[in-house]
Amino acid sequence: MPELPEVETVRQGLAKWVAGRRIAAVEVHHPRAVRRHLLGGTHFAAALAGRQVTDVRRRGKYLWLPLDSGDAVIGHLGMSGQLLMQPLGAPDETHLRIRFQFDDGGPELRFVDQRTFGGLSLSEGGAELPAEIAHIARDPLDPEFSDEAFVAALRRKRTEVKRALLDQTLISGVGNIYADEALWRAGLHGARPTEALTGPAAHRLLAHVRDVLAEAIVAGGTSFDALYVNVDGESGYFDRSLNAYGREGEPCDRCGAPIRREAFMNRSSFSCPRCQPRPRSAAAPVRRLRTREAG
């Protein structure tokens, strides 16, 4: 799923291409693409015709396009969603779900989604901040993000540090890839209890989260396949800079130990067994299980 760097890359492209333009017509080609708009595709299209896009904003992994009506279009890319700018008359993509045409006759905006987990919806009165995503925390690149408040909240939680990084109500935009990368840089295992983190360690982790996200934005995000591209159809290249994620068995760039992969919430975590030792409390159940199996 696209994380903050990928969504921010898309936001920057949309800001360049659609901010200030007026929507002439909208076509909804698949109902799942607007399933969160409860009034349906016909209403969605009619409500947007004639409206001007005034800006393109982001909260965590969500995008929204404020409109001159005071409403907003909310977008989430899901697993495979793409927002692409295409010349008028360009062949339709196989998985085209929604088309936006503008009154200036310039390039149109297309929402393409192979797996249809993403979608768009209309938020009434949501131009400043849609109510539907107001519960999502600010991200660490937001000028109004509070480092002190985050560190205090992190240390109050009784969970594992990686689970906390993925909690979008605590800190937004961080997913599996960038959590692993920040933890590698901080020398922390994802199973470390949050309440055991010292203040300096928590601040150090946050600094690495911020650095990883910023560097990934410069690289245009991370593309492992053709499903994530920017609005011009180009892939990101931060995968060339990954130190942990997806590198099982490869030598750690810091110490040379083989990177390990561990199961985590129906996906995988990647870390260095030497630089990021597993906390004893997390490792003990594994040792006991092996002892029982051996017996």
Protein backbone atom coordinates (compact mmCIF):
# COMPACT_ATOMS: atom_id res chain seq x y z
CA MET A 1 0.00 0.00 0.00
CA PRO A 2 1.36 3.46 -0.84
CA GLU A 3 2.72 5.24 2.22
CA LEU A 4 3.37 8.92 2.89
CA PRO A 5 6.21 9.40 0.36
CA GLU A 6 4.21 7.87 -2.48
CA VAL A 7 1.05 9.81 -1.63
CA GLU A 8 3.01 13.04 -1.19
CA THR A 9 4.64 12.51 -4.58
CA VAL A 10 1.18 12.14 -6.11
CA ARG A 11 -0.03 15.23 -4.22
CA GLN A 12 2.80 17.34 -5.59
CA GLY A 13 2.04 16.21 -9.13
CA LEU A 14 -1.67 16.92 -8.76
CA ALA A 15 -0.95 20.35 -7.32
CA LYS A 16 1.00 21.15 -10.47
CA TRP A 17 -1.59 19.78 -12.88
CA VAL A 18 -5.07 20.36 -11.43
CA ALA A 19 -4.98 23.16 -8.82
CA GLY A 20 -6.88 26.16 -10.16
CA ARG A 21 -8.64 24.22 -12.93
CA ARG A 22 -12.41 23.88 -13.27
CA ILE A 23 -14.00 20.46 -13.68
CA ALA A 24 -16.16 20.19 -16.78
CA ALA A 25 -17.39 16.62 -16.39
CA VAL A 26 -16.80 13.47 -14.38
CA GLU A 27 -17.36 9.89 -15.54
CA VAL A 28 -17.63 7.06 -13.01
CA HIS A 29 -16.81 3.76 -14.69
CA HIS A 30 -16.99 1.44 -11.69
CA PRO A 31 -19.24 1.77 -8.61
CA ARG A 32 -16.60 0.44 -6.19
CA ALA A 33 -14.43 3.46 -6.98
CA VAL A 34 -17.03 5.69 -5.25
CA ARG A 35 -18.40 3.19 -2.72
CA ARG A 36 -17.60 5.58 0.14
CA HIS A 37 -19.81 8.20 -1.54
CA LEU A 38 -23.10 6.82 -0.30
CA LEU A 39 -25.24 8.78 -2.77
CA GLY A 40 -23.62 6.93 -5.67
CA GLY A 41 -21.68 7.66 -8.82
CA THR A 42 -24.32 9.76 -10.58
CA HIS A 43 -24.55 12.16 -7.64
CA PHE A 44 -20.75 12.23 -7.30
CA ALA A 45 -20.33 13.27 -10.94
CA ALA A 46 -23.13 15.86 -10.87
CA ALA A 47 -21.86 17.47 -7.66
CA LEU A 48 -18.39 18.01 -9.15
CA ALA A 49 -19.35 19.40 -12.57
CA GLY A 50 -18.51 23.10 -12.75
CA ARG A 51 -16.50 23.13 -9.51
CA GLN A 52 -12.98 24.56 -9.36
CA VAL A 53 -10.16 22.69 -7.63
CA THR A 54 -8.51 25.26 -5.36
CA ASP A 55 -5.68 23.18 -3.88
CA VAL A 56 -4.41 19.62 -3.31
CA ARG A 57 -3.71 18.56 0.28
CA ARG A 58 -2.74 15.46 2.21
CA ARG A 59 -3.27 13.99 5.68
CA GLY A 60 -1.25 10.81 6.18
CA LYS A 61 -2.08 8.47 3.31
CA TYR A 62 -5.20 10.40 2.26
CA LEU A 63 -5.44 13.14 -0.36
CA TRP A 64 -8.12 15.75 -0.67
CA LEU A 65 -8.92 18.35 -3.30
CA PRO A 66 -10.63 21.43 -1.81
CA LEU A 67 -13.28 22.89 -4.12
CA ASP A 68 -14.60 26.41 -4.55
CA SER A 69 -17.93 25.18 -3.15
CA GLY A 70 -16.32 24.50 0.25
CA ASP A 71 -16.58 20.77 -0.33
CA ALA A 72 -13.67 18.43 -1.09
CA VAL A 73 -12.88 15.29 -3.03
CA ILE A 74 -11.20 12.73 -0.75
CA GLY A 75 -8.93 10.11 -2.29
CA HIS A 76 -7.24 6.97 -1.00
CA LEU A 77 -5.08 4.90 -3.34
CA GLY A 78 -5.65 1.59 -1.57
CA MET A 79 -3.32 -1.16 -2.80
CA SER A 80 -3.14 -0.28 -6.47
CA GLY A 81 -4.82 3.08 -7.08
CA GLN A 82 -3.23 5.54 -9.48
CA LEU A 83 -4.10 9.16 -10.24
CA LEU A 84 -2.78 9.82 -13.72
CA MET A 85 -2.74 12.86 -15.98
CA GLN A 86 -3.44 11.93 -19.58
CA PRO A 87 -3.90 13.91 -22.80
CA LEU A 88 -7.44 14.10 -24.11
CA GLY A 89 -8.06 11.18 -26.43
CA ALA A 90 -5.35 8.95 -24.98
CA PRO A 91 -6.45 5.29 -24.91
CA ASP A 92 -8.29 4.29 -21.74
CA GLU A 93 -6.40 2.18 -19.22
CA THR A 94 -7.72 -1.34 -18.63
CA HIS A 95 -8.65 -0.50 -15.06
CA LEU A 96 -9.90 3.07 -15.55
CA ARG A 97 -12.46 3.79 -12.82
CA ILE A 98 -13.08 7.56 -12.86
CA ARG A 99 -12.31 10.28 -15.41
CA PHE A 100 -12.16 14.04 -14.72
CA GLN A 101 -12.27 16.43 -17.67
CA PHE A 102 -11.57 20.15 -17.29
CA ASP A 103 -13.09 23.14 -19.04
CA ASP A 104 -9.74 24.34 -20.41
CA GLY A 105 -9.47 21.31 -22.69
CA GLY A 106 -6.12 20.33 -21.17
CA PRO A 107 -4.99 16.97 -19.80
CA GLU A 108 -7.60 14.97 -17.95
CA LEU A 109 -7.25 13.28 -14.56
CA ARG A 110 -7.90 9.56 -14.37
CA PHE A 111 -8.31 7.30 -11.35
CA VAL A 112 -7.05 3.85 -12.29
CA ASP A 113 -7.29 0.98 -9.80
CA GLN A 114 -6.66 -2.66 -10.63
CA ARG A 115 -7.73 -4.14 -7.28
CA THR A 116 -10.45 -1.54 -6.50
CA PHE A 117 -9.43 -1.19 -2.85
CA GLY A 118 -8.94 2.56 -3.27
CA GLY A 119 -11.56 5.13 -4.09
CA LEU A 120 -12.82 8.71 -4.16
CA SER A 121 -15.67 10.37 -2.31
CA LEU A 122 -17.14 13.83 -1.78
CA SER A 123 -16.89 15.46 1.65
CA GLU A 124 -19.50 18.17 2.16
CA GLY A 125 -17.88 21.20 3.78
CA GLY A 126 -14.54 19.40 3.86
CA ALA A 127 -12.36 21.89 2.02
CA GLU A 128 -10.31 22.85 5.09
CA LEU A 129 -10.13 19.32 6.55
CA PRO A 130 -12.67 16.60 5.71
CA ALA A 131 -14.43 15.30 8.82
CA GLU A 132 -13.96 11.77 7.49
CA ILE A 133 -10.19 11.95 8.05
CA ALA A 134 -9.98 14.41 10.96
CA HIS A 135 -9.18 11.55 13.36
CA ILE A 136 -5.92 10.81 11.53
CA ALA A 137 -2.85 12.22 13.26
CA ARG A 138 -0.51 14.72 11.65
CA ASP A 139 2.59 13.29 10.04
CA PRO A 140 6.16 14.17 11.14
CA LEU A 141 6.71 16.37 8.07
CA ASP A 142 3.72 18.56 9.01
CA PRO A 143 4.93 21.91 10.42
CA GLU A 144 2.34 21.59 13.20
CA PHE A 145 3.45 18.11 14.26
CA SER A 146 4.55 18.14 17.93
CA ASP A 147 7.62 16.04 18.64
CA GLU A 148 7.16 16.30 22.39
CA ALA A 149 3.51 15.28 22.27
CA PHE A 150 4.31 12.32 20.04
CA VAL A 151 7.16 11.08 22.25
CA ALA A 152 5.01 11.37 25.35
CA ALA A 153 2.10 9.53 23.72
CA LEU A 154 4.43 6.84 22.34
CA ARG A 155 5.95 6.12 25.74
CA ARG A 156 2.49 5.99 27.37
CA LYS A 157 1.32 3.25 25.02
CA ARG A 158 1.73 -0.35 26.06
CA THR A 159 2.49 -1.99 22.74
CA GLU A 160 5.40 -2.82 20.45
CA VAL A 161 7.19 0.11 18.86
CA LYS A 162 6.51 -0.96 15.27
CA ARG A 163 2.80 -1.36 15.96
CA ALA A 164 2.85 2.17 17.39
CA LEU A 165 4.51 3.55 14.25
CA LEU A 166 1.72 2.03 12.16
CA ASP A 167 -1.01 3.56 14.36
CA GLN A 168 -2.40 6.33 12.16
CA THR A 169 -4.05 8.01 15.14
CA LEU A 170 -0.62 8.45 16.75
CA ILE A 171 1.52 9.32 13.73
CA SER A 172 0.25 9.19 10.16
CA GLY A 173 1.73 8.17 6.84
CA VAL A 174 4.14 5.51 8.13
CA GLY A 175 3.61 1.99 6.80
CA ASN A 176 5.52 -1.26 6.82
CA ILE A 177 8.38 -0.21 4.53
CA TYR A 178 9.33 3.04 6.21
CA ALA A 179 8.77 1.72 9.73
CA ASP A 180 11.36 -1.01 9.06
CA GLU A 181 13.77 1.50 7.57
CA ALA A 182 13.47 3.94 10.47
CA LEU A 183 13.85 1.16 13.03
CA TRP A 184 16.99 -0.07 11.24
CA ARG A 185 18.49 3.41 11.34
CA ALA A 186 17.61 3.76 15.02
CA GLY A 187 19.01 0.33 15.89
CA LEU A 188 15.70 -0.76 17.45
CA HIS A 189 13.79 -3.99 16.97
CA GLY A 190 10.12 -3.51 16.14
CA ALA A 191 9.07 -5.68 19.10
CA ARG A 192 10.67 -3.32 21.62
CA PRO A 193 7.98 -2.29 24.16
CA THR A 194 7.09 1.37 23.77
CA GLU A 195 7.01 1.90 27.54
CA ALA A 196 10.65 0.74 27.69
CA LEU A 197 11.86 3.45 25.30
CA THR A 198 13.80 6.28 26.89
CA GLY A 199 12.98 9.83 25.85
CA PRO A 200 16.23 10.21 23.88
CA ALA A 201 15.63 6.87 22.10
CA ALA A 202 12.10 7.91 21.15
CA HIS A 203 13.32 11.27 19.83
CA ARG A 204 16.07 9.49 17.87
CA LEU A 205 13.54 7.12 16.32
CA LEU A 206 11.27 10.01 15.34
CA ALA A 207 14.20 11.82 13.72
CA HIS A 208 14.95 8.73 11.63
CA VAL A 209 11.29 8.37 10.65
CA ARG A 210 11.35 11.97 9.45
CA ASP A 211 14.64 11.52 7.57
CA VAL A 212 13.50 8.32 5.83
CA LEU A 213 10.21 9.88 4.72
CA ALA A 214 11.91 13.04 3.43
CA GLU A 215 14.54 11.09 1.49
CA ALA A 216 11.90 8.83 -0.02
CA ILE A 217 9.89 11.82 -1.23
CA VAL A 218 12.96 13.16 -3.02
CA ALA A 219 13.30 9.75 -4.69
CA GLY A 220 9.65 9.76 -5.74
CA GLY A 221 8.68 6.98 -3.33
CA THR A 222 9.27 3.25 -3.52
CA SER A 223 8.10 1.17 -6.47
CA PHE A 224 8.33 -2.62 -6.34
CA ASP A 225 6.01 -3.08 -9.32
CA ALA A 226 4.05 -1.05 -11.86
CA LEU A 227 1.10 -0.48 -9.51
CA TYR A 228 2.63 2.60 -7.88
CA VAL A 229 3.53 5.47 -10.21
CA ASN A 230 3.29 9.24 -9.98
CA VAL A 231 0.77 11.31 -11.96
CA ASP A 232 3.06 11.21 -15.00
CA GLY A 233 3.25 7.41 -14.87
CA GLU A 234 6.82 7.31 -13.51
CA SER A 235 8.05 4.91 -10.83
CA GLY A 236 9.88 5.97 -7.67
CA TYR A 237 13.38 4.70 -6.98
CA PHE A 238 13.80 4.73 -3.19
CA ASP A 239 13.91 0.91 -3.32
CA ARG A 240 17.59 1.37 -4.29
CA SER A 241 18.23 2.97 -0.89
CA LEU A 242 16.49 0.43 1.34
CA ASN A 243 18.67 -0.91 4.15
CA ALA A 244 16.30 -3.47 5.65
CA TYR A 245 12.92 -3.89 3.97
CA GLY A 246 12.81 -6.71 1.41
CA ARG A 247 16.49 -7.60 1.89
CA GLU A 248 16.20 -10.98 3.61
CA GLY A 249 19.56 -12.79 3.63
CA GLU A 250 21.50 -9.83 2.25
CA PRO A 251 24.33 -8.37 4.38
CA CYS A 252 23.44 -5.49 6.67
CA ASP A 253 24.97 -2.29 5.32
CA ARG A 254 26.15 -1.44 8.82
CA CYS A 255 27.56 -4.68 10.26
CA GLY A 256 27.39 -7.32 7.54
CA ALA A 257 25.02 -9.72 9.34
CA PRO A 258 22.31 -11.25 7.10
CA ILE A 259 19.05 -9.33 7.24
CA ARG A 260 16.27 -11.44 8.76
CA ARG A 261 12.58 -11.60 7.92
CA GLU A 262 9.96 -12.20 10.62
CA ALA A 263 6.19 -12.55 10.41
CA PHE A 264 4.35 -9.42 11.52
CA MET A 265 0.59 -8.73 11.37
CA ASN A 266 0.01 -10.90 8.26
CA ARG A 267 3.03 -9.37 6.53
CA SER A 268 6.77 -9.28 7.10
CA SER A 269 9.28 -7.28 9.11
CA PHE A 270 12.93 -6.99 8.13
CA SER A 271 15.74 -6.20 10.55
CA CYS A 272 19.36 -6.89 11.39
CA PRO A 273 19.80 -9.52 14.14
CA ARG A 274 23.03 -7.90 15.29
CA CYS A 275 22.21 -4.18 15.06
CA GLN A 276 18.57 -4.65 16.15
CA PRO A 277 18.56 -7.42 18.75
CA ARG A 278 15.16 -8.76 19.61
CA PRO A 279 14.13 -7.79 23.17
CA ARG A 280 14.36 -10.66 25.64
CA SER A 281 10.70 -10.53 26.57
CA ALA A 282 9.76 -10.99 22.90
CA ALA A 283 12.31 -13.73 22.28
CA ALA A 284 11.48 -15.82 25.37
CA PRO A 285 8.19 -17.35 24.10
CA VAL A 286 9.99 -18.51 20.95
CA ARG A 287 12.66 -20.26 23.01
CA ARG A 288 10.04 -21.94 25.23
CA LEU A 289 8.10 -23.11 22.21
CA ARG A 290 11.22 -24.65 20.71
CA THR A 291 11.98 -26.39 24.03
CA ARG A 292 8.52 -27.97 24.12
CA GLU A 293 8.79 -29.02 20.48
CA ALA A 294 12.19 -30.58 21.14
CA GLY A 295 10.71 -32.57 24.02
